PDB file of all heavy atoms in Angstrom:
ATOM      1  N   ALA A   1       3.314  -5.525  -0.561  1.00  0.00           N
ATOM      2  CA  ALA A   1       3.007  -4.591  -1.637  1.00  0.00           C
ATOM      3  C   ALA A   1       1.692  -3.928  -1.246  1.00  0.00           C
ATOM      4  O   ALA A   1       0.680  -4.610  -1.057  1.00  0.00           O
ATOM      5  CB  ALA A   1       2.865  -5.316  -2.963  1.00  0.00           C
ATOM      6  N   LEU A   2       1.726  -2.621  -1.080  1.00  0.00           N
ATOM      7  CA  LEU A   2       0.542  -1.867  -0.688  1.00  0.00           C
ATOM      8  C   LEU A   2       0.131  -0.963  -1.838  1.00  0.00           C
ATOM      9  O   LEU A   2       0.991  -0.396  -2.524  1.00  0.00           O
ATOM     10  CB  LEU A   2       0.834  -1.012   0.546  1.00  0.00           C
ATOM     11  CG  LEU A   2       1.449  -1.735   1.744  1.00  0.00           C
ATOM     12  CD1 LEU A   2       1.821  -0.740   2.826  1.00  0.00           C
ATOM     13  CD2 LEU A   2       0.500  -2.788   2.280  1.00  0.00           C
ATOM     14  N   TYR A   3      -1.172  -0.804  -2.035  1.00  0.00           N
ATOM     15  CA  TYR A   3      -1.680   0.013  -3.136  1.00  0.00           C
ATOM     16  C   TYR A   3      -2.597   1.094  -2.594  1.00  0.00           C
ATOM     17  O   TYR A   3      -3.471   0.835  -1.767  1.00  0.00           O
ATOM     18  CB  TYR A   3      -2.380  -0.866  -4.175  1.00  0.00           C
ATOM     19  CG  TYR A   3      -1.383  -1.795  -4.805  1.00  0.00           C
ATOM     20  CD1 TYR A   3      -1.172  -3.073  -4.300  1.00  0.00           C
ATOM     21  CD2 TYR A   3      -0.599  -1.361  -5.867  1.00  0.00           C
ATOM     22  CE1 TYR A   3      -0.211  -3.899  -4.841  1.00  0.00           C
ATOM     23  CE2 TYR A   3       0.371  -2.184  -6.410  1.00  0.00           C
ATOM     24  CZ  TYR A   3       0.559  -3.446  -5.901  1.00  0.00           C
ATOM     25  OH  TYR A   3       1.524  -4.259  -6.425  1.00  0.00           O
ATOM     26  N   PHE A   4      -2.385   2.306  -3.098  1.00  0.00           N
ATOM     27  CA  PHE A   4      -3.063   3.513  -2.624  1.00  0.00           C
ATOM     28  C   PHE A   4      -3.645   4.225  -3.836  1.00  0.00           C
ATOM     29  O   PHE A   4      -2.945   4.444  -4.826  1.00  0.00           O
ATOM     30  CB  PHE A   4      -2.024   4.395  -1.917  1.00  0.00           C
ATOM     31  CG  PHE A   4      -2.566   5.632  -1.270  1.00  0.00           C
ATOM     32  CD1 PHE A   4      -3.268   5.567  -0.089  1.00  0.00           C
ATOM     33  CD2 PHE A   4      -2.320   6.878  -1.835  1.00  0.00           C
ATOM     34  CE1 PHE A   4      -3.738   6.722   0.522  1.00  0.00           C
ATOM     35  CE2 PHE A   4      -2.778   8.034  -1.240  1.00  0.00           C
ATOM     36  CZ  PHE A   4      -3.497   7.964  -0.057  1.00  0.00           C
ATOM     37  N   ASP A   5      -4.944   4.578  -3.761  1.00  0.00           N
ATOM     38  CA  ASP A   5      -5.602   5.206  -4.921  1.00  0.00           C
ATOM     39  C   ASP A   5      -5.603   6.733  -4.884  1.00  0.00           C
ATOM     40  O   ASP A   5      -6.246   7.382  -5.696  1.00  0.00           O
ATOM     41  CB  ASP A   5      -7.026   4.688  -5.070  1.00  0.00           C
ATOM     42  CG  ASP A   5      -7.952   5.093  -3.934  1.00  0.00           C
ATOM     43  OD1 ASP A   5      -7.523   5.839  -3.015  1.00  0.00           O
ATOM     44  OD2 ASP A   5      -9.118   4.653  -3.943  1.00  0.00           O
ATOM     45  N   GLY A   6      -4.895   7.323  -3.948  1.00  0.00           N
ATOM     46  CA  GLY A   6      -4.873   8.768  -3.793  1.00  0.00           C
ATOM     47  C   GLY A   6      -5.642   9.212  -2.566  1.00  0.00           C
ATOM     48  O   GLY A   6      -5.437  10.307  -2.055  1.00  0.00           O
ATOM     49  N   LYS A   7      -6.541   8.334  -2.083  1.00  0.00           N
ATOM     50  CA  LYS A   7      -7.324   8.632  -0.885  1.00  0.00           C
ATOM     51  C   LYS A   7      -7.170   7.549   0.176  1.00  0.00           C
ATOM     52  O   LYS A   7      -7.047   7.841   1.352  1.00  0.00           O
ATOM     53  CB  LYS A   7      -8.805   8.776  -1.236  1.00  0.00           C
ATOM     54  CG  LYS A   7      -9.116   9.969  -2.106  1.00  0.00           C
ATOM     55  CD  LYS A   7     -10.594  10.051  -2.406  1.00  0.00           C
ATOM     56  CE  LYS A   7     -10.855  11.242  -3.327  1.00  0.00           C
ATOM     57  NZ  LYS A   7     -12.228  11.314  -3.751  1.00  0.00           N
ATOM     58  N   ASP A   8      -7.219   6.291  -0.267  1.00  0.00           N
ATOM     59  CA  ASP A   8      -7.198   5.171   0.673  1.00  0.00           C
ATOM     60  C   ASP A   8      -6.257   4.072   0.189  1.00  0.00           C
ATOM     61  O   ASP A   8      -6.014   3.921  -1.005  1.00  0.00           O
ATOM     62  CB  ASP A   8      -8.601   4.558   0.810  1.00  0.00           C
ATOM     63  CG  ASP A   8      -9.601   5.507   1.404  1.00  0.00           C
ATOM     64  OD1 ASP A   8      -9.320   6.047   2.487  1.00  0.00           O
ATOM     65  OD2 ASP A   8     -10.661   5.719   0.777  1.00  0.00           O
ATOM     66  N   PHE A   9      -5.791   3.274   1.154  1.00  0.00           N
ATOM     67  CA  PHE A   9      -5.082   2.050   0.810  1.00  0.00           C
ATOM     68  C   PHE A   9      -6.147   1.048   0.391  1.00  0.00           C
ATOM     69  O   PHE A   9      -7.099   0.784   1.131  1.00  0.00           O
ATOM     70  CB  PHE A   9      -4.273   1.537   2.000  1.00  0.00           C
ATOM     71  CG  PHE A   9      -3.046   2.362   2.256  1.00  0.00           C
ATOM     72  CD1 PHE A   9      -3.069   3.415   3.159  1.00  0.00           C
ATOM     73  CD2 PHE A   9      -1.869   2.103   1.575  1.00  0.00           C
ATOM     74  CE1 PHE A   9      -1.945   4.191   3.380  1.00  0.00           C
ATOM     75  CE2 PHE A   9      -0.734   2.868   1.791  1.00  0.00           C
ATOM     76  CZ  PHE A   9      -0.768   3.915   2.692  1.00  0.00           C
ATOM     77  N   ILE A  10      -6.019   0.500  -0.807  1.00  0.00           N
ATOM     78  CA  ILE A  10      -7.083  -0.343  -1.371  1.00  0.00           C
ATOM     79  C   ILE A  10      -6.691  -1.811  -1.494  1.00  0.00           C
ATOM     80  O   ILE A  10      -7.548  -2.663  -1.698  1.00  0.00           O
ATOM     81  CB  ILE A  10      -7.528   0.181  -2.739  1.00  0.00           C
ATOM     82  CG1 ILE A  10      -6.330   0.250  -3.682  1.00  0.00           C
ATOM     83  CG2 ILE A  10      -8.200   1.539  -2.606  1.00  0.00           C
ATOM     84  CD1 ILE A  10      -6.689   0.481  -5.135  1.00  0.00           C
ATOM     85  N   ALA A  11      -5.398  -2.098  -1.406  1.00  0.00           N
ATOM     86  CA  ALA A  11      -4.968  -3.493  -1.528  1.00  0.00           C
ATOM     87  C   ALA A  11      -3.635  -3.672  -0.827  1.00  0.00           C
ATOM     88  O   ALA A  11      -2.846  -2.740  -0.708  1.00  0.00           O
ATOM     89  CB  ALA A  11      -4.843  -3.896  -2.996  1.00  0.00           C
ATOM     90  N   ALA A  12      -3.431  -4.897  -0.345  1.00  0.00           N
ATOM     91  CA  ALA A  12      -2.165  -5.269   0.284  1.00  0.00           C
ATOM     92  C   ALA A  12      -1.911  -6.742  -0.002  1.00  0.00           C
ATOM     93  O   ALA A  12      -2.838  -7.564   0.053  1.00  0.00           O
ATOM     94  CB  ALA A  12      -2.219  -5.016   1.788  1.00  0.00           C
ATOM     95  N   TYR A  13      -0.665  -7.059  -0.305  1.00  0.00           N
ATOM     96  CA  TYR A  13      -0.290  -8.442  -0.590  1.00  0.00           C
ATOM     97  C   TYR A  13       0.979  -8.780   0.176  1.00  0.00           C
ATOM     98  O   TYR A  13       1.893  -7.969   0.264  1.00  0.00           O
ATOM     99  CB  TYR A  13      -0.046  -8.642  -2.093  1.00  0.00           C
ATOM    100  CG  TYR A  13      -1.269  -8.345  -2.914  1.00  0.00           C
ATOM    101  CD1 TYR A  13      -1.446  -7.085  -3.480  1.00  0.00           C
ATOM    102  CD2 TYR A  13      -2.259  -9.301  -3.099  1.00  0.00           C
ATOM    103  CE1 TYR A  13      -2.573  -6.789  -4.222  1.00  0.00           C
ATOM    104  CE2 TYR A  13      -3.399  -9.015  -3.830  1.00  0.00           C
ATOM    105  CZ  TYR A  13      -3.549  -7.760  -4.393  1.00  0.00           C
ATOM    106  OH  TYR A  13      -4.677  -7.468  -5.114  1.00  0.00           O
ATOM    107  N   ASN A  14       1.017  -9.983   0.730  1.00  0.00           N
ATOM    108  CA  ASN A  14       2.201 -10.468   1.417  1.00  0.00           C
ATOM    109  C   ASN A  14       3.133 -11.064   0.373  1.00  0.00           C
ATOM    110  O   ASN A  14       2.822 -12.096  -0.228  1.00  0.00           O
ATOM    111  CB  ASN A  14       1.803 -11.524   2.456  1.00  0.00           C
ATOM    112  CG  ASN A  14       2.985 -12.001   3.253  1.00  0.00           C
ATOM    113  OD1 ASN A  14       4.084 -12.190   2.736  1.00  0.00           O
ATOM    114  ND2 ASN A  14       2.765 -12.211   4.527  1.00  0.00           N
ATOM    115  N   LEU A  15       4.267 -10.424   0.140  1.00  0.00           N
ATOM    116  CA  LEU A  15       5.173 -10.867  -0.919  1.00  0.00           C
ATOM    117  C   LEU A  15       5.989 -12.096  -0.556  1.00  0.00           C
ATOM    118  O   LEU A  15       6.631 -12.692  -1.417  1.00  0.00           O
ATOM    119  CB  LEU A  15       6.102  -9.722  -1.327  1.00  0.00           C
ATOM    120  CG  LEU A  15       5.389  -8.518  -1.930  1.00  0.00           C
ATOM    121  CD1 LEU A  15       6.374  -7.402  -2.231  1.00  0.00           C
ATOM    122  CD2 LEU A  15       4.614  -8.908  -3.177  1.00  0.00           C
ATOM    123  N   LYS A  16       5.951 -12.482   0.715  1.00  0.00           N
ATOM    124  CA  LYS A  16       6.650 -13.714   1.121  1.00  0.00           C
ATOM    125  C   LYS A  16       5.797 -14.940   0.826  1.00  0.00           C
ATOM    126  O   LYS A  16       6.286 -15.953   0.350  1.00  0.00           O
ATOM    127  CB  LYS A  16       6.971 -13.663   2.618  1.00  0.00           C
ATOM    128  CG  LYS A  16       8.429 -13.608   2.909  1.00  0.00           C
ATOM    129  CD  LYS A  16       8.685 -13.722   4.385  1.00  0.00           C
ATOM    130  CE  LYS A  16      10.176 -13.634   4.587  1.00  0.00           C
ATOM    131  NZ  LYS A  16      10.553 -13.438   5.948  1.00  0.00           N
ATOM    132  N   THR A  17       4.510 -14.830   1.129  1.00  0.00           N
ATOM    133  CA  THR A  17       3.621 -15.991   0.985  1.00  0.00           C
ATOM    134  C   THR A  17       2.734 -15.928  -0.249  1.00  0.00           C
ATOM    135  O   THR A  17       2.118 -16.923  -0.617  1.00  0.00           O
ATOM    136  CB  THR A  17       2.722 -16.125   2.225  1.00  0.00           C
ATOM    137  OG1 THR A  17       1.924 -14.938   2.354  1.00  0.00           O
ATOM    138  CG2 THR A  17       3.547 -16.333   3.482  1.00  0.00           C
ATOM    139  N   ASP A  18       2.654 -14.775  -0.888  1.00  0.00           N
ATOM    140  CA  ASP A  18       1.759 -14.591  -2.034  1.00  0.00           C
ATOM    141  C   ASP A  18       2.474 -13.796  -3.123  1.00  0.00           C
ATOM    142  O   ASP A  18       2.087 -12.685  -3.455  1.00  0.00           O
ATOM    143  CB  ASP A  18       0.479 -13.874  -1.574  1.00  0.00           C
ATOM    144  CG  ASP A  18      -0.547 -13.700  -2.678  1.00  0.00           C
ATOM    145  OD1 ASP A  18      -0.478 -14.425  -3.694  1.00  0.00           O
ATOM    146  OD2 ASP A  18      -1.416 -12.820  -2.531  1.00  0.00           O
ATOM    147  N   ILE A  19       3.511 -14.359  -3.690  1.00  0.00           N
ATOM    148  CA  ILE A  19       4.336 -13.661  -4.675  1.00  0.00           C
ATOM    149  C   ILE A  19       3.546 -13.290  -5.923  1.00  0.00           C
ATOM    150  O   ILE A  19       3.896 -12.339  -6.626  1.00  0.00           O
ATOM    151  CB  ILE A  19       5.601 -14.497  -5.027  1.00  0.00           C
ATOM    152  CG1 ILE A  19       6.628 -13.649  -5.777  1.00  0.00           C
ATOM    153  CG2 ILE A  19       5.249 -15.715  -5.840  1.00  0.00           C
ATOM    154  CD1 ILE A  19       7.334 -12.661  -4.927  1.00  0.00           C
ATOM    155  N   LEU A  20       2.460 -13.991  -6.207  1.00  0.00           N
ATOM    156  CA  LEU A  20       1.653 -13.695  -7.394  1.00  0.00           C
ATOM    157  C   LEU A  20       0.524 -12.695  -7.115  1.00  0.00           C
ATOM    158  O   LEU A  20      -0.289 -12.419  -7.984  1.00  0.00           O
ATOM    159  CB  LEU A  20       1.083 -14.991  -7.982  1.00  0.00           C
ATOM    160  CG  LEU A  20       2.127 -16.008  -8.444  1.00  0.00           C
ATOM    161  CD1 LEU A  20       1.461 -17.249  -9.019  1.00  0.00           C
ATOM    162  CD2 LEU A  20       3.080 -15.400  -9.457  1.00  0.00           C
ATOM    163  N   ASN A  21       0.485 -12.156  -5.908  1.00  0.00           N
ATOM    164  CA  ASN A  21      -0.501 -11.126  -5.540  1.00  0.00           C
ATOM    165  C   ASN A  21      -1.942 -11.574  -5.801  1.00  0.00           C
ATOM    166  O   ASN A  21      -2.732 -10.863  -6.410  1.00  0.00           O
ATOM    167  CB  ASN A  21      -0.233  -9.821  -6.289  1.00  0.00           C
ATOM    168  CG  ASN A  21       1.143  -9.258  -6.034  1.00  0.00           C
ATOM    169  OD1 ASN A  21       1.762  -9.531  -5.027  1.00  0.00           O
ATOM    170  ND2 ASN A  21       1.626  -8.465  -6.957  1.00  0.00           N
ATOM    171  N   LYS A  22      -2.280 -12.733  -5.295  1.00  0.00           N
ATOM    172  CA  LYS A  22      -3.628 -13.275  -5.521  1.00  0.00           C
ATOM    173  C   LYS A  22      -4.591 -12.987  -4.375  1.00  0.00           C
ATOM    174  O   LYS A  22      -5.791 -12.889  -4.580  1.00  0.00           O
ATOM    175  CB  LYS A  22      -3.536 -14.788  -5.739  1.00  0.00           C
ATOM    176  CG  LYS A  22      -2.722 -15.165  -6.949  1.00  0.00           C
ATOM    177  CD  LYS A  22      -3.451 -16.152  -7.773  1.00  0.00           C
ATOM    178  CE  LYS A  22      -2.585 -16.547  -8.948  1.00  0.00           C
ATOM    179  NZ  LYS A  22      -3.291 -16.441 -10.185  1.00  0.00           N
ATOM    180  N   LYS A  23      -4.067 -12.860  -3.136  1.00  0.00           N
ATOM    181  CA  LYS A  23      -4.942 -12.709  -1.976  1.00  0.00           C
ATOM    182  C   LYS A  23      -4.759 -11.329  -1.360  1.00  0.00           C
ATOM    183  O   LYS A  23      -3.785 -11.062  -0.661  1.00  0.00           O
ATOM    184  CB  LYS A  23      -4.638 -13.793  -0.943  1.00  0.00           C
ATOM    185  CG  LYS A  23      -5.591 -13.764   0.231  1.00  0.00           C
ATOM    186  CD  LYS A  23      -5.294 -14.866   1.217  1.00  0.00           C
ATOM    187  CE  LYS A  23      -6.252 -14.753   2.386  1.00  0.00           C
ATOM    188  NZ  LYS A  23      -5.876 -15.600   3.484  1.00  0.00           N
ATOM    189  N   ASN A  24      -5.736 -10.470  -1.599  1.00  0.00           N
ATOM    190  CA  ASN A  24      -5.713  -9.124  -1.034  1.00  0.00           C
ATOM    191  C   ASN A  24      -5.990  -9.224   0.467  1.00  0.00           C
ATOM    192  O   ASN A  24      -7.053  -9.688   0.875  1.00  0.00           O
ATOM    193  CB  ASN A  24      -6.764  -8.248  -1.722  1.00  0.00           C
ATOM    194  CG  ASN A  24      -6.713  -6.812  -1.272  1.00  0.00           C
ATOM    195  OD1 ASN A  24      -6.016  -6.456  -0.327  1.00  0.00           O
ATOM    196  ND2 ASN A  24      -7.454  -5.969  -1.961  1.00  0.00           N
ATOM    197  N   ILE A  25      -5.041  -8.793   1.284  1.00  0.00           N
ATOM    198  CA  ILE A  25      -5.180  -8.908   2.740  1.00  0.00           C
ATOM    199  C   ILE A  25      -5.424  -7.544   3.396  1.00  0.00           C
ATOM    200  O   ILE A  25      -5.210  -7.378   4.589  1.00  0.00           O
ATOM    201  CB  ILE A  25      -3.934  -9.584   3.356  1.00  0.00           C
ATOM    202  CG1 ILE A  25      -2.652  -8.809   3.008  1.00  0.00           C
ATOM    203  CG2 ILE A  25      -3.850 -11.037   2.922  1.00  0.00           C
ATOM    204  CD1 ILE A  25      -1.407  -9.306   3.729  1.00  0.00           C
ATOM    205  N   ILE A  26      -5.913  -6.578   2.629  1.00  0.00           N
ATOM    206  CA  ILE A  26      -6.096  -5.226   3.140  1.00  0.00           C
ATOM    207  C   ILE A  26      -7.043  -5.193   4.340  1.00  0.00           C
ATOM    208  O   ILE A  26      -6.888  -4.346   5.230  1.00  0.00           O
ATOM    209  CB  ILE A  26      -6.587  -4.262   2.030  1.00  0.00           C
ATOM    210  CG1 ILE A  26      -6.463  -2.805   2.475  1.00  0.00           C
ATOM    211  CG2 ILE A  26      -8.016  -4.574   1.614  1.00  0.00           C
ATOM    212  CD1 ILE A  26      -5.070  -2.312   2.606  1.00  0.00           C
ATOM    213  N   ASP A  27      -7.993  -6.101   4.407  1.00  0.00           N
ATOM    214  CA  ASP A  27      -8.966  -6.086   5.499  1.00  0.00           C
ATOM    215  C   ASP A  27      -8.486  -6.779   6.770  1.00  0.00           C
ATOM    216  O   ASP A  27      -9.176  -6.763   7.785  1.00  0.00           O
ATOM    217  CB  ASP A  27     -10.289  -6.721   5.037  1.00  0.00           C
ATOM    218  CG  ASP A  27     -10.971  -5.880   3.976  1.00  0.00           C
ATOM    219  OD1 ASP A  27     -10.819  -4.638   4.014  1.00  0.00           O
ATOM    220  OD2 ASP A  27     -11.640  -6.454   3.099  1.00  0.00           O
ATOM    221  N   GLN A  28      -7.308  -7.371   6.731  1.00  0.00           N
ATOM    222  CA  GLN A  28      -6.777  -8.000   7.936  1.00  0.00           C
ATOM    223  C   GLN A  28      -6.325  -6.924   8.921  1.00  0.00           C
ATOM    224  O   GLN A  28      -5.846  -5.861   8.527  1.00  0.00           O
ATOM    225  CB  GLN A  28      -5.608  -8.924   7.607  1.00  0.00           C
ATOM    226  CG  GLN A  28      -6.036 -10.165   6.852  1.00  0.00           C
ATOM    227  CD  GLN A  28      -4.873 -11.106   6.596  1.00  0.00           C
ATOM    228  OE1 GLN A  28      -3.774 -10.925   7.090  1.00  0.00           O
ATOM    229  NE2 GLN A  28      -5.129 -12.126   5.805  1.00  0.00           N
ATOM    230  N   THR A  29      -6.474  -7.189  10.181  1.00  0.00           N
ATOM    231  CA  THR A  29      -6.118  -6.237  11.225  1.00  0.00           C
ATOM    232  C   THR A  29      -4.635  -5.902  11.185  1.00  0.00           C
ATOM    233  O   THR A  29      -3.793  -6.790  11.076  1.00  0.00           O
ATOM    234  CB  THR A  29      -6.471  -6.817  12.619  1.00  0.00           C
ATOM    235  OG1 THR A  29      -7.830  -7.235  12.595  1.00  0.00           O
ATOM    236  CG2 THR A  29      -6.271  -5.789  13.702  1.00  0.00           C
ATOM    237  N   ASN A  30      -4.345  -4.624  11.269  1.00  0.00           N
ATOM    238  CA  ASN A  30      -2.960  -4.115  11.348  1.00  0.00           C
ATOM    239  C   ASN A  30      -2.060  -4.559  10.200  1.00  0.00           C
ATOM    240  O   ASN A  30      -0.860  -4.720  10.389  1.00  0.00           O
ATOM    241  CB  ASN A  30      -2.318  -4.518  12.678  1.00  0.00           C
ATOM    242  CG  ASN A  30      -3.073  -3.954  13.859  1.00  0.00           C
ATOM    243  OD1 ASN A  30      -3.595  -2.847  13.789  1.00  0.00           O
ATOM    244  ND2 ASN A  30      -3.145  -4.713  14.929  1.00  0.00           N
TER     245      ASN A  30
END
């Protein structure tokens, strides 16, 4: 699940391992 504010991607969540969207992984490489 990726989130975009109109300018930048601001959040990303792995829906396989983090179904509750608790750990934002946007800063992880690639």
